[in-house]
Amino acid sequence: MNKEQQALHQWFEGKGWPYWTPHEILARLMEETGEFARLVNHQYGPKKKKAGEEVQDFEDELGDILYTLACFANTHGINLDAALERSIDKVQKRDQNRF
């Protein structure tokens, strides 16, 4: 676990809270991803915000997604830093002559 994941895990343990089930985490991830998609649509797409609609920003929405992924990673013993490094390496090798 990276330091942020460890802090999250310690906080959960200190509160005596269990992590959500994988299905609940997936549902939460889809909800948070939808909020991010809505913000992208408001900023760059044809659907503009309604008057009085809550102000959102990309950092908050991405943070919510990362939080949810950290909960899943913690329940599965996955270090998010290592997972991201593996994905970057994979893409760099696969796409080195692609574009």
Protein backbone atom coordinates (compact mmCIF):
# COMPACT_ATOMS: atom_id res chain seq x y z
CA MET A 1 0.00 0.00 0.00
CA ASN A 2 1.18 3.52 -0.66
CA LYS A 3 1.12 6.06 2.17
CA GLU A 4 -2.31 7.42 1.22
CA GLN A 5 -3.76 3.90 1.14
CA GLN A 6 -2.16 3.16 4.51
CA ALA A 7 -3.64 6.35 5.99
CA LEU A 8 -7.07 5.40 4.63
CA HIS A 9 -6.74 1.88 6.04
CA GLN A 10 -5.70 3.19 9.47
CA TRP A 11 -8.64 5.58 9.48
CA PHE A 12 -11.07 2.76 8.66
CA GLU A 13 -9.52 0.56 11.36
CA GLY A 14 -9.62 3.39 13.90
CA LYS A 15 -13.33 3.88 13.25
CA GLY A 16 -13.98 0.15 13.28
CA TRP A 17 -15.48 0.37 9.80
CA PRO A 18 -15.40 -2.46 7.31
CA TYR A 19 -14.71 -1.71 3.67
CA TRP A 20 -17.64 -1.99 1.31
CA THR A 21 -18.09 -5.24 -0.57
CA PRO A 22 -16.60 -5.40 -4.09
CA HIS A 23 -20.08 -4.98 -5.55
CA GLU A 24 -20.73 -1.88 -3.42
CA ILE A 25 -17.36 -0.44 -4.39
CA LEU A 26 -18.13 -1.02 -8.06
CA ALA A 27 -21.50 0.71 -7.70
CA ARG A 28 -19.82 3.64 -5.94
CA LEU A 29 -17.13 3.82 -8.64
CA MET A 30 -19.78 3.96 -11.36
CA GLU A 31 -21.60 6.71 -9.46
CA GLU A 32 -18.43 8.76 -9.06
CA THR A 33 -17.44 8.16 -12.69
CA GLY A 34 -20.86 9.42 -13.73
CA GLU A 35 -20.33 12.62 -11.75
CA PHE A 36 -16.98 13.09 -13.49
CA ALA A 37 -18.62 12.46 -16.88
CA ARG A 38 -21.32 15.01 -16.10
CA LEU A 39 -18.69 17.61 -15.24
CA VAL A 40 -16.77 16.91 -18.47
CA ASN A 41 -20.03 17.29 -20.39
CA HIS A 42 -20.76 20.57 -18.62
CA GLN A 43 -17.30 21.93 -19.32
CA TYR A 44 -16.72 20.64 -22.85
CA GLY A 45 -19.94 19.19 -24.19
CA PRO A 46 -23.33 20.43 -25.21
CA LYS A 47 -25.01 19.90 -21.85
CA LYS A 48 -24.55 22.99 -19.69
CA LYS A 49 -25.24 23.29 -15.97
CA LYS A 50 -28.71 24.20 -14.79
CA ALA A 51 -29.17 27.31 -12.71
CA GLY A 52 -28.55 26.52 -9.06
CA GLU A 53 -26.75 23.25 -9.78
CA GLU A 54 -23.90 22.41 -7.38
CA VAL A 55 -20.44 23.65 -8.35
CA GLN A 56 -18.04 20.80 -9.09
CA ASP A 57 -14.39 20.68 -10.06
CA PHE A 58 -12.22 18.06 -11.68
CA GLU A 59 -9.89 17.63 -8.71
CA ASP A 60 -12.78 16.79 -6.37
CA GLU A 61 -14.36 14.38 -8.82
CA LEU A 62 -11.07 12.62 -9.60
CA GLY A 63 -10.36 12.48 -5.86
CA ASP A 64 -13.67 10.70 -5.28
CA ILE A 65 -12.79 8.16 -7.97
CA LEU A 66 -9.31 7.62 -6.50
CA TYR A 67 -10.76 7.23 -3.00
CA THR A 68 -13.10 4.54 -4.23
CA LEU A 69 -10.30 2.77 -6.11
CA ALA A 70 -8.14 2.95 -2.98
CA CYS A 71 -10.88 1.18 -1.00
CA PHE A 72 -10.99 -1.60 -3.60
CA ALA A 73 -7.19 -1.82 -3.76
CA ASN A 74 -6.93 -2.03 0.02
CA THR A 75 -9.36 -4.92 0.18
CA HIS A 76 -7.32 -6.77 -2.45
CA GLY A 77 -3.77 -5.96 -1.29
CA ILE A 78 -3.01 -3.83 -4.36
CA ASN A 79 -0.59 -0.90 -4.25
CA LEU A 80 -2.06 1.79 -6.51
CA ASP A 81 1.36 3.30 -7.23
CA ALA A 82 2.64 -0.07 -8.44
CA ALA A 83 -0.54 -0.65 -10.48
CA LEU A 84 -0.16 2.72 -12.21
CA GLU A 85 3.54 2.12 -12.89
CA ARG A 86 2.71 -1.24 -14.48
CA SER A 87 0.07 0.35 -16.69
CA ILE A 88 2.40 3.16 -17.79
CA ASP A 89 5.16 0.64 -18.59
CA LYS A 90 2.70 -1.48 -20.55
CA VAL A 91 1.47 1.47 -22.61
CA GLN A 92 4.97 2.80 -23.24
CA LYS A 93 6.14 -0.58 -24.54
CA ARG A 94 3.01 -1.26 -26.54
CA ASP A 95 2.70 2.19 -28.07
CA GLN A 96 6.33 3.24 -28.47
CA ASN A 97 6.09 3.30 -32.28
CA ARG A 98 2.35 3.68 -32.57
CA PHE A 99 1.83 7.44 -32.90
